[in-house]
Amino acid sequence: MKFKIGQNVKVKNGVLCPDDSEFDLSGWTGRIIDLVEDEEPTVCIEFDSITLKDMPEKYVKKSEQEDLDWSRISLYETEVEPTASRDTEQDAKNIRFANRY
């Protein structure tokens, strides 16, 4: 595994949401909160406050309708790359727990 928990990552260009290919996740960023070493290693990412603010309302609503957590996602480690932090963990928590819509 080339990543570690707490590391900031950005979704690579052309990566679509694994639950709904209607949504392009290119450039979405966040912090790794879990790692799964498997045949294809995966990372669970909690999105940062900037990504959460810029997220399409349709993505949030569809996720909630399907009982999915729109504030995080699991992707293959090959679908993300390291990046610099754009906020604090508290900033992201404040957005996640705010009433968005």
PDB file of N, CA and C in Angstrom:
ATOM      1  N   MET A   1       0.863  -1.175   0.000  1.00  0.00           N
ATOM      2  CA  MET A   1       0.000   0.000   0.000  1.00  0.00           C
ATOM      3  C   MET A   1       0.901   1.228   0.000  1.00  0.00           C
ATOM      4  N   LYS A   2       0.644   2.119  -0.952  1.00  0.00           N
ATOM      5  CA  LYS A   2       1.510   3.294  -1.067  1.00  0.00           C
ATOM      6  C   LYS A   2       0.983   4.520  -0.329  1.00  0.00           C
ATOM      7  N   PHE A   3      -0.199   4.406   0.272  1.00  0.00           N
ATOM      8  CA  PHE A   3      -0.780   5.526   1.011  1.00  0.00           C
ATOM      9  C   PHE A   3      -0.883   5.179   2.488  1.00  0.00           C
ATOM     10  N   LYS A   4      -1.170   6.203   3.308  1.00  0.00           N
ATOM     11  CA  LYS A   4      -1.367   5.950   4.733  1.00  0.00           C
ATOM     12  C   LYS A   4      -2.562   6.758   5.239  1.00  0.00           C
ATOM     13  N   ILE A   5      -3.121   6.314   6.346  1.00  0.00           N
ATOM     14  CA  ILE A   5      -4.268   6.984   6.934  1.00  0.00           C
ATOM     15  C   ILE A   5      -3.882   8.418   7.307  1.00  0.00           C
ATOM     16  N   GLY A   6      -4.783   9.352   7.001  1.00  0.00           N
ATOM     17  CA  GLY A   6      -4.543  10.761   7.271  1.00  0.00           C
ATOM     18  C   GLY A   6      -3.950  11.515   6.097  1.00  0.00           C
ATOM     19  N   GLN A   7      -3.469  10.791   5.101  1.00  0.00           N
ATOM     20  CA  GLN A   7      -2.848  11.431   3.945  1.00  0.00           C
ATOM     21  C   GLN A   7      -3.913  12.093   3.072  1.00  0.00           C
ATOM     22  N   ASN A   8      -3.570  13.247   2.498  1.00  0.00           N
ATOM     23  CA  ASN A   8      -4.459  13.950   1.574  1.00  0.00           C
ATOM     24  C   ASN A   8      -4.261  13.415   0.166  1.00  0.00           C
ATOM     25  N   VAL A   9      -5.380  13.158  -0.502  1.00  0.00           N
ATOM     26  CA  VAL A   9      -5.324  12.645  -1.869  1.00  0.00           C
ATOM     27  C   VAL A   9      -6.345  13.369  -2.739  1.00  0.00           C
ATOM     28  N   LYS A  10      -6.089  13.309  -4.041  1.00  0.00           N
ATOM     29  CA  LYS A  10      -6.978  13.896  -5.043  1.00  0.00           C
ATOM     30  C   LYS A  10      -7.344  12.792  -6.029  1.00  0.00           C
ATOM     31  N   VAL A  11      -8.607  12.779  -6.455  1.00  0.00           N
ATOM     32  CA  VAL A  11      -9.058  11.795  -7.433  1.00  0.00           C
ATOM     33  C   VAL A  11      -8.481  12.167  -8.793  1.00  0.00           C
ATOM     34  N   LYS A  12      -7.917  11.180  -9.481  1.00  0.00           N
ATOM     35  CA  LYS A  12      -7.305  11.400 -10.786  1.00  0.00           C
ATOM     36  C   LYS A  12      -8.363  11.738 -11.838  1.00  0.00           C
ATOM     37  N   ASN A  13      -7.918  12.407 -12.898  1.00  0.00           N
ATOM     38  CA  ASN A  13      -8.810  12.774 -13.996  1.00  0.00           C
ATOM     39  C   ASN A  13      -9.450  11.543 -14.628  1.00  0.00           C
ATOM     40  N   GLY A  14     -10.743  11.661 -14.910  1.00  0.00           N
ATOM     41  CA  GLY A  14     -11.456  10.595 -15.603  1.00  0.00           C
ATOM     42  C   GLY A  14     -12.062   9.529 -14.714  1.00  0.00           C
ATOM     43  N   VAL A  15     -11.907   9.649 -13.398  1.00  0.00           N
ATOM     44  CA  VAL A  15     -12.459   8.653 -12.480  1.00  0.00           C
ATOM     45  C   VAL A  15     -13.933   8.974 -12.216  1.00  0.00           C
ATOM     46  N   LEU A  16     -14.789   8.003 -12.484  1.00  0.00           N
ATOM     47  CA  LEU A  16     -16.220   8.158 -12.274  1.00  0.00           C
ATOM     48  C   LEU A  16     -16.623   7.527 -10.947  1.00  0.00           C
ATOM     49  N   CYS A  17     -17.715   8.006 -10.394  1.00  0.00           N
ATOM     50  CA  CYS A  17     -18.232   7.457  -9.144  1.00  0.00           C
ATOM     51  C   CYS A  17     -18.559   5.977  -9.345  1.00  0.00           C
ATOM     52  N   PRO A  18     -18.049   5.097  -8.479  1.00  0.00           N
ATOM     53  CA  PRO A  18     -18.312   3.665  -8.646  1.00  0.00           C
ATOM     54  C   PRO A  18     -19.785   3.297  -8.434  1.00  0.00           C
ATOM     55  N   ASP A  19     -20.541   4.129  -7.723  1.00  0.00           N
ATOM     56  CA  ASP A  19     -21.957   3.857  -7.479  1.00  0.00           C
ATOM     57  C   ASP A  19     -22.866   4.453  -8.542  1.00  0.00           C
ATOM     58  N   ASP A  20     -22.363   5.447  -9.280  1.00  0.00           N
ATOM     59  CA  ASP A  20     -23.180   6.119 -10.289  1.00  0.00           C
ATOM     60  C   ASP A  20     -22.260   6.822 -11.283  1.00  0.00           C
ATOM     61  N   SER A  21     -22.072   6.225 -12.448  1.00  0.00           N
ATOM     62  CA  SER A  21     -21.121   6.742 -13.437  1.00  0.00           C
ATOM     63  C   SER A  21     -21.550   8.084 -14.038  1.00  0.00           C
ATOM     64  N   GLU A  22     -22.692   8.607 -13.618  1.00  0.00           N
ATOM     65  CA  GLU A  22     -23.131   9.927 -14.060  1.00  0.00           C
ATOM     66  C   GLU A  22     -22.211  11.013 -13.485  1.00  0.00           C
ATOM     67  N   PHE A  23     -21.537  10.694 -12.379  1.00  0.00           N
ATOM     68  CA  PHE A  23     -20.736  11.697 -11.680  1.00  0.00           C
ATOM     69  C   PHE A  23     -19.242  11.476 -11.877  1.00  0.00           C
ATOM     70  N   ASP A  24     -18.577  12.506 -12.408  1.00  0.00           N
ATOM     71  CA  ASP A  24     -17.128  12.500 -12.603  1.00  0.00           C
ATOM     72  C   ASP A  24     -16.497  13.063 -11.333  1.00  0.00           C
ATOM     73  N   LEU A  25     -15.636  12.288 -10.711  1.00  0.00           N
ATOM     74  CA  LEU A  25     -15.018  12.685  -9.445  1.00  0.00           C
ATOM     75  C   LEU A  25     -13.650  13.349  -9.624  1.00  0.00           C
ATOM     76  N   SER A  26     -13.250  13.597 -10.849  1.00  0.00           N
ATOM     77  CA  SER A  26     -11.937  14.186 -11.140  1.00  0.00           C
ATOM     78  C   SER A  26     -11.673  15.419 -10.269  1.00  0.00           C
ATOM     79  N   GLY A  27     -10.548  15.406  -9.553  1.00  0.00           N
ATOM     80  CA  GLY A  27     -10.133  16.550  -8.764  1.00  0.00           C
ATOM     81  C   GLY A  27     -10.722  16.630  -7.362  1.00  0.00           C
ATOM     82  N   TRP A  28     -11.683  15.761  -7.035  1.00  0.00           N
ATOM     83  CA  TRP A  28     -12.242  15.782  -5.680  1.00  0.00           C
ATOM     84  C   TRP A  28     -11.145  15.376  -4.706  1.00  0.00           C
ATOM     85  N   THR A  29     -11.054  16.042  -3.575  1.00  0.00           N
ATOM     86  CA  THR A  29      -9.968  15.775  -2.635  1.00  0.00           C
ATOM     87  C   THR A  29     -10.495  15.472  -1.231  1.00  0.00           C
ATOM     88  N   GLY A  30      -9.629  14.826  -0.467  1.00  0.00           N
ATOM     89  CA  GLY A  30      -9.978  14.506   0.906  1.00  0.00           C
ATOM     90  C   GLY A  30      -8.843  13.787   1.604  1.00  0.00           C
ATOM     91  N   ARG A  31      -9.173  13.259   2.789  1.00  0.00           N
ATOM     92  CA  ARG A  31      -8.188  12.555   3.613  1.00  0.00           C
ATOM     93  C   ARG A  31      -8.520  11.074   3.675  1.00  0.00           C
ATOM     94  N   ILE A  32      -7.498  10.258   3.653  1.00  0.00           N
ATOM     95  CA  ILE A  32      -7.692   8.812   3.764  1.00  0.00           C
ATOM     96  C   ILE A  32      -8.042   8.473   5.214  1.00  0.00           C
ATOM     97  N   ILE A  33      -9.162   7.758   5.384  1.00  0.00           N
ATOM     98  CA  ILE A  33      -9.579   7.360   6.729  1.00  0.00           C
ATOM     99  C   ILE A  33      -9.489   5.848   6.933  1.00  0.00           C
ATOM    100  N   ASP A  34      -9.313   5.090   5.833  1.00  0.00           N
ATOM    101  CA  ASP A  34      -9.181   3.640   5.958  1.00  0.00           C
ATOM    102  C   ASP A  34      -8.478   3.097   4.722  1.00  0.00           C
ATOM    103  N   LEU A  35      -7.753   2.012   4.913  1.00  0.00           N
ATOM    104  CA  LEU A  35      -7.039   1.328   3.829  1.00  0.00           C
ATOM    105  C   LEU A  35      -7.452  -0.133   3.830  1.00  0.00           C
ATOM    106  N   VAL A  36      -7.674  -0.677   2.640  1.00  0.00           N
ATOM    107  CA  VAL A  36      -7.999  -2.100   2.528  1.00  0.00           C
ATOM    108  C   VAL A  36      -7.000  -2.729   1.561  1.00  0.00           C
ATOM    109  N   GLU A  37      -6.153  -3.588   2.131  1.00  0.00           N
ATOM    110  CA  GLU A  37      -5.170  -4.285   1.291  1.00  0.00           C
ATOM    111  C   GLU A  37      -5.846  -5.533   0.753  1.00  0.00           C
ATOM    112  N   ASP A  38      -6.052  -5.551  -0.533  1.00  0.00           N
ATOM    113  CA  ASP A  38      -6.756  -6.632  -1.202  1.00  0.00           C
ATOM    114  C   ASP A  38      -6.044  -6.878  -2.520  1.00  0.00           C
ATOM    115  N   GLU A  39      -6.654  -7.699  -3.368  1.00  0.00           N
ATOM    116  CA  GLU A  39      -6.081  -7.925  -4.691  1.00  0.00           C
ATOM    117  C   GLU A  39      -5.856  -6.572  -5.379  1.00  0.00           C
ATOM    118  N   GLU A  40      -6.864  -5.701  -5.279  1.00  0.00           N
ATOM    119  CA  GLU A  40      -6.740  -4.318  -5.730  1.00  0.00           C
ATOM    120  C   GLU A  40      -6.936  -3.438  -4.502  1.00  0.00           C
ATOM    121  N   PRO A  41      -5.845  -2.921  -3.909  1.00  0.00           N
ATOM    122  CA  PRO A  41      -5.951  -2.117  -2.683  1.00  0.00           C
ATOM    123  C   PRO A  41      -6.888  -0.918  -2.872  1.00  0.00           C
ATOM    124  N   THR A  42      -7.674  -0.640  -1.834  1.00  0.00           N
ATOM    125  CA  THR A  42      -8.598   0.492  -1.882  1.00  0.00           C
ATOM    126  C   THR A  42      -8.325   1.446  -0.717  1.00  0.00           C
ATOM    127  N   VAL A  43      -8.741   2.693  -0.937  1.00  0.00           N
ATOM    128  CA  VAL A  43      -8.644   3.724   0.085  1.00  0.00           C
ATOM    129  C   VAL A  43     -10.039   4.284   0.322  1.00  0.00           C
ATOM    130  N   CYS A  44     -10.369   4.513   1.584  1.00  0.00           N
ATOM    131  CA  CYS A  44     -11.621   5.189   1.913  1.00  0.00           C
ATOM    132  C   CYS A  44     -11.260   6.640   2.202  1.00  0.00           C
ATOM    133  N   ILE A  45     -11.899   7.550   1.482  1.00  0.00           N
ATOM    134  CA  ILE A  45     -11.578   8.971   1.557  1.00  0.00           C
ATOM    135  C   ILE A  45     -12.761   9.728   2.150  1.00  0.00           C
ATOM    136  N   GLU A  46     -12.466  10.580   3.109  1.00  0.00           N
ATOM    137  CA  GLU A  46     -13.456  11.515   3.622  1.00  0.00           C
ATOM    138  C   GLU A  46     -13.162  12.839   2.927  1.00  0.00           C
ATOM    139  N   PHE A  47     -14.126  13.338   2.163  1.00  0.00           N
ATOM    140  CA  PHE A  47     -13.897  14.533   1.362  1.00  0.00           C
ATOM    141  C   PHE A  47     -13.609  15.758   2.222  1.00  0.00           C
ATOM    142  N   ASP A  48     -12.786  16.672   1.684  1.00  0.00           N
ATOM    143  CA  ASP A  48     -12.471  17.901   2.413  1.00  0.00           C
ATOM    144  C   ASP A  48     -13.613  18.905   2.266  1.00  0.00           C
ATOM    145  N   SER A  49     -13.539  19.990   3.027  1.00  0.00           N
ATOM    146  CA  SER A  49     -14.636  20.969   3.059  1.00  0.00           C
ATOM    147  C   SER A  49     -14.859  21.637   1.703  1.00  0.00           C
ATOM    148  N   ILE A  50     -13.814  21.847   0.942  1.00  0.00           N
ATOM    149  CA  ILE A  50     -13.937  22.502  -0.362  1.00  0.00           C
ATOM    150  C   ILE A  50     -14.675  21.588  -1.340  1.00  0.00           C
ATOM    151  N   THR A  51     -14.314  20.308  -1.352  1.00  0.00           N
ATOM    152  CA  THR A  51     -15.017  19.355  -2.203  1.00  0.00           C
ATOM    153  C   THR A  51     -16.478  19.252  -1.780  1.00  0.00           C
ATOM    154  N   LEU A  52     -16.718  19.186  -0.479  1.00  0.00           N
ATOM    155  CA  LEU A  52     -18.097  19.079   0.010  1.00  0.00           C
ATOM    156  C   LEU A  52     -18.930  20.294  -0.397  1.00  0.00           C
ATOM    157  N   LYS A  53     -18.354  21.486  -0.321  1.00  0.00           N
ATOM    158  CA  LYS A  53     -19.074  22.709  -0.707  1.00  0.00           C
ATOM    159  C   LYS A  53     -19.366  22.744  -2.207  1.00  0.00           C
ATOM    160  N   ASP A  54     -18.422  22.232  -3.010  1.00  0.00           N
ATOM    161  CA  ASP A  54     -18.549  22.292  -4.469  1.00  0.00           C
ATOM    162  C   ASP A  54     -19.303  21.103  -5.065  1.00  0.00           C
ATOM    163  N   MET A  55     -19.626  20.133  -4.254  1.00  0.00           N
ATOM    164  CA  MET A  55     -20.291  18.922  -4.703  1.00  0.00           C
ATOM    165  C   MET A  55     -21.658  19.247  -5.317  1.00  0.00           C
ATOM    166  N   PRO A  56     -21.988  18.640  -6.448  1.00  0.00           N
ATOM    167  CA  PRO A  56     -23.306  18.904  -7.035  1.00  0.00           C
ATOM    168  C   PRO A  56     -24.429  18.481  -6.087  1.00  0.00           C
ATOM    169  N   GLU A  57     -25.432  19.325  -5.970  1.00  0.00           N
ATOM    170  CA  GLU A  57     -26.585  19.018  -5.126  1.00  0.00           C
ATOM    171  C   GLU A  57     -27.215  17.684  -5.543  1.00  0.00           C
ATOM    172  N   LYS A  58     -27.222  17.427  -6.843  1.00  0.00           N
ATOM    173  CA  LYS A  58     -27.806  16.176  -7.364  1.00  0.00           C
ATOM    174  C   LYS A  58     -27.065  14.950  -6.818  1.00  0.00           C
ATOM    175  N   TYR A  59     -25.736  15.061  -6.665  1.00  0.00           N
ATOM    176  CA  TYR A  59     -24.946  13.956  -6.125  1.00  0.00           C
ATOM    177  C   TYR A  59     -25.351  13.674  -4.675  1.00  0.00           C
ATOM    178  N   VAL A  60     -25.489  14.737  -3.894  1.00  0.00           N
ATOM    179  CA  VAL A  60     -25.866  14.591  -2.491  1.00  0.00           C
ATOM    180  C   VAL A  60     -27.257  13.971  -2.374  1.00  0.00           C
ATOM    181  N   LYS A  61     -28.198  14.504  -3.123  1.00  0.00           N
ATOM    182  CA  LYS A  61     -29.580  14.015  -3.045  1.00  0.00           C
ATOM    183  C   LYS A  61     -29.691  12.558  -3.488  1.00  0.00           C
ATOM    184  N   LYS A  62     -29.015  12.213  -4.598  1.00  0.00           N
ATOM    185  CA  LYS A  62     -29.053  10.818  -5.071  1.00  0.00           C
ATOM    186  C   LYS A  62     -28.420   9.879  -4.053  1.00  0.00           C
ATOM    187  N   SER A  63     -27.317  10.311  -3.468  1.00  0.00           N
ATOM    188  CA  SER A  63     -26.647   9.489  -2.457  1.00  0.00           C
ATOM    189  C   SER A  63     -27.572   9.244  -1.275  1.00  0.00           C
ATOM    190  N   GLU A  64     -28.229  10.295  -0.816  1.00  0.00           N
ATOM    191  CA  GLU A  64     -29.138  10.145   0.321  1.00  0.00           C
ATOM    192  C   GLU A  64     -30.325   9.251  -0.027  1.00  0.00           C
ATOM    193  N   GLN A  65     -30.849   9.369  -1.243  1.00  0.00           N
ATOM    194  CA  GLN A  65     -31.963   8.518  -1.676  1.00  0.00           C
ATOM    195  C   GLN A  65     -31.551   7.038  -1.687  1.00  0.00           C
ATOM    196  N   GLU A  66     -30.289   6.784  -2.006  1.00  0.00           N
ATOM    197  CA  GLU A  66     -29.778   5.410  -2.078  1.00  0.00           C
ATOM    198  C   GLU A  66     -29.120   4.983  -0.777  1.00  0.00           C
ATOM    199  N   ASP A  67     -29.287   5.794   0.277  1.00  0.00           N
ATOM    200  CA  ASP A  67     -28.732   5.518   1.599  1.00  0.00           C
ATOM    201  C   ASP A  67     -27.207   5.360   1.569  1.00  0.00           C
ATOM    202  N   LEU A  68     -26.558   6.221   0.783  1.00  0.00           N
ATOM    203  CA  LEU A  68     -25.099   6.235   0.687  1.00  0.00           C
ATOM    204  C   LEU A  68     -24.570   7.489   1.377  1.00  0.00           C
ATOM    205  N   ASP A  69     -23.379   7.399   1.926  1.00  0.00           N
ATOM    206  CA  ASP A  69     -22.748   8.528   2.602  1.00  0.00           C
ATOM    207  C   ASP A  69     -22.007   9.375   1.570  1.00  0.00           C
ATOM    208  N   TRP A  70     -22.551  10.555   1.259  1.00  0.00           N
ATOM    209  CA  TRP A  70     -21.962  11.409   0.239  1.00  0.00           C
ATOM    210  C   TRP A  70     -20.686  12.111   0.697  1.00  0.00           C
ATOM    211  N   SER A  71     -20.352  12.014   1.983  1.00  0.00           N
ATOM    212  CA  SER A  71     -19.175  12.714   2.492  1.00  0.00           C
ATOM    213  C   SER A  71     -17.892  11.888   2.387  1.00  0.00           C
ATOM    214  N   ARG A  72     -18.028  10.649   1.938  1.00  0.00           N
ATOM    215  CA  ARG A  72     -16.855   9.777   1.804  1.00  0.00           C
ATOM    216  C   ARG A  72     -17.055   8.797   0.664  1.00  0.00           C
ATOM    217  N   ILE A  73     -15.954   8.187   0.241  1.00  0.00           N
ATOM    218  CA  ILE A  73     -16.028   7.225  -0.858  1.00  0.00           C
ATOM    219  C   ILE A  73     -14.835   6.280  -0.779  1.00  0.00           C
ATOM    220  N   SER A  74     -15.013   5.080  -1.290  1.00  0.00           N
ATOM    221  CA  SER A  74     -13.909   4.125  -1.407  1.00  0.00           C
ATOM    222  C   SER A  74     -13.547   3.989  -2.878  1.00  0.00           C
ATOM    223  N   LEU A  75     -12.263   4.129  -3.152  1.00  0.00           N
ATOM    224  CA  LEU A  75     -11.748   4.019  -4.513  1.00  0.00           C
ATOM    225  C   LEU A  75     -10.500   3.156  -4.511  1.00  0.00           C
ATOM    226  N   TYR A  76     -10.153   2.632  -5.686  1.00  0.00           N
ATOM    227  CA  TYR A  76      -8.889   1.902  -5.800  1.00  0.00           C
ATOM    228  C   TYR A  76      -7.742   2.884  -5.623  1.00  0.00           C
ATOM    229  N   GLU A  77      -6.662   2.440  -5.008  1.00  0.00           N
ATOM    230  CA  GLU A  77      -5.541   3.355  -4.778  1.00  0.00           C
ATOM    231  C   GLU A  77      -4.950   3.872  -6.089  1.00  0.00           C
ATOM    232  N   THR A  78      -5.161   3.152  -7.185  1.00  0.00           N
ATOM    233  CA  THR A  78      -4.670   3.604  -8.496  1.00  0.00           C
ATOM    234  C   THR A  78      -5.493   4.774  -9.043  1.00  0.00           C
ATOM    235  N   GLU A  79      -6.633   5.085  -8.393  1.00  0.00           N
ATOM    236  CA  GLU A  79      -7.515   6.150  -8.869  1.00  0.00           C
ATOM    237  C   GLU A  79      -7.270   7.489  -8.166  1.00  0.00           C
ATOM    238  N   VAL A  80      -6.326   7.506  -7.220  1.00  0.00           N
ATOM    239  CA  VAL A  80      -6.029   8.736  -6.482  1.00  0.00           C
ATOM    240  C   VAL A  80      -4.533   9.014  -6.488  1.00  0.00           C
ATOM    241  N   GLU A  81      -4.203  10.277  -6.178  1.00  0.00           N
ATOM    242  CA  GLU A  81      -2.795  10.677  -6.100  1.00  0.00           C
ATOM    243  C   GLU A  81      -2.618  11.620  -4.920  1.00  0.00           C
ATOM    244  N   PRO A  82      -1.417  11.667  -4.358  1.00  0.00           N
ATOM    245  CA  PRO A  82      -1.168  12.549  -3.214  1.00  0.00           C
ATOM    246  C   PRO A  82      -1.393  14.011  -3.600  1.00  0.00           C
ATOM    247  N   THR A  83      -1.836  14.797  -2.636  1.00  0.00           N
ATOM    248  CA  THR A  83      -2.019  16.230  -2.847  1.00  0.00           C
ATOM    249  C   THR A  83      -1.835  16.953  -1.518  1.00  0.00           C
ATOM    250  N   ALA A  84      -1.738  18.258  -1.588  1.00  0.00           N
ATOM    251  CA  ALA A  84      -1.607  19.072  -0.372  1.00  0.00           C
ATOM    252  C   ALA A  84      -2.977  19.277   0.265  1.00  0.00           C
ATOM    253  N   SER A  85      -2.984  19.453   1.564  1.00  0.00           N
ATOM    254  CA  SER A  85      -4.220  19.727   2.288  1.00  0.00           C
ATOM    255  C   SER A  85      -4.744  21.106   1.907  1.00  0.00           C
ATOM    256  N   ARG A  86      -6.076  21.219   1.790  1.00  0.00           N
ATOM    257  CA  ARG A  86      -6.698  22.505   1.452  1.00  0.00           C
ATOM    258  C   ARG A  86      -7.514  23.064   2.608  1.00  0.00           C
ATOM    259  N   ASP A  87      -7.619  22.297   3.702  1.00  0.00           N
ATOM    260  CA  ASP A  87      -8.400  22.733   4.854  1.00  0.00           C
ATOM    261  C   ASP A  87      -7.972  21.945   6.076  1.00  0.00           C
ATOM    262  N   THR A  88      -8.730  22.063   7.154  1.00  0.00           N
ATOM    263  CA  THR A  88      -8.480  21.250   8.338  1.00  0.00           C
ATOM    264  C   THR A  88      -9.559  20.182   8.443  1.00  0.00           C
ATOM    265  N   GLU A  89      -9.301  19.158   9.232  1.00  0.00           N
ATOM    266  CA  GLU A  89     -10.307  18.123   9.447  1.00  0.00           C
ATOM    267  C   GLU A  89     -11.561  18.733  10.065  1.00  0.00           C
ATOM    268  N   GLN A  90     -11.389  19.724  10.916  1.00  0.00           N
ATOM    269  CA  GLN A  90     -12.545  20.372  11.552  1.00  0.00           C
ATOM    270  C   GLN A  90     -13.398  21.106  10.513  1.00  0.00           C
ATOM    271  N   ASP A  91     -12.763  21.748   9.534  1.00  0.00           N
ATOM    272  CA  ASP A  91     -13.514  22.416   8.461  1.00  0.00           C
ATOM    273  C   ASP A  91     -14.429  21.412   7.763  1.00  0.00           C
ATOM    274  N   ALA A  92     -13.883  20.248   7.453  1.00  0.00           N
ATOM    275  CA  ALA A  92     -14.670  19.216   6.767  1.00  0.00           C
ATOM    276  C   ALA A  92     -15.814  18.714   7.650  1.00  0.00           C
ATOM    277  N   LYS A  93     -15.530  18.509   8.940  1.00  0.00           N
ATOM    278  CA  LYS A  93     -16.582  18.063   9.871  1.00  0.00           C
ATOM    279  C   LYS A  93     -17.708  19.085   9.952  1.00  0.00           C
ATOM    280  N   ASN A  94     -17.363  20.355   9.985  1.00  0.00           N
ATOM    281  CA  ASN A  94     -18.377  21.402  10.059  1.00  0.00           C
ATOM    282  C   ASN A  94     -19.320  21.351   8.861  1.00  0.00           C
ATOM    283  N   ILE A  95     -18.785  21.094   7.686  1.00  0.00           N
ATOM    284  CA  ILE A  95     -19.614  21.009   6.478  1.00  0.00           C
ATOM    285  C   ILE A  95     -20.459  19.739   6.506  1.00  0.00           C
ATOM    286  N   ARG A  96     -19.846  18.622   6.884  1.00  0.00           N
ATOM    287  CA  ARG A  96     -20.570  17.345   6.888  1.00  0.00           C
ATOM    288  C   ARG A  96     -21.780  17.380   7.809  1.00  0.00           C
ATOM    289  N   PHE A  97     -21.634  18.062   8.939  1.00  0.00           N
ATOM    290  CA  PHE A  97     -22.710  18.038   9.927  1.00  0.00           C
ATOM    291  C   PHE A  97     -23.678  19.220   9.775  1.00  0.00           C
ATOM    292  N   ALA A  98     -23.382  20.119   8.848  1.00  0.00           N
ATOM    293  CA  ALA A  98     -24.302  21.227   8.583  1.00  0.00           C
ATOM    294  C   ALA A  98     -25.464  20.716   7.729  1.00  0.00           C
ATOM    295  N   ASN A  99     -26.543  21.403   7.787  1.00  0.00           N
ATOM    296  CA  ASN A  99     -27.687  21.035   6.956  1.00  0.00           C
ATOM    297  C   ASN A  99     -27.457  21.646   5.584  1.00  0.00           C
ATOM    298  N   ARG A 100     -26.997  20.825   4.632  1.00  0.00           N
ATOM    299  CA  ARG A 100     -26.621  21.328   3.317  1.00  0.00           C
ATOM    300  C   ARG A 100     -27.821  21.790   2.489  1.00  0.00           C
ATOM    301  N   TYR A 101     -28.881  21.037   2.470  1.00  0.00           N
ATOM    302  CA  TYR A 101     -29.999  21.365   1.571  1.00  0.00           C
ATOM    303  C   TYR A 101     -31.304  21.250   2.290  1.00  0.00           C
TER     304      TYR A 101
END
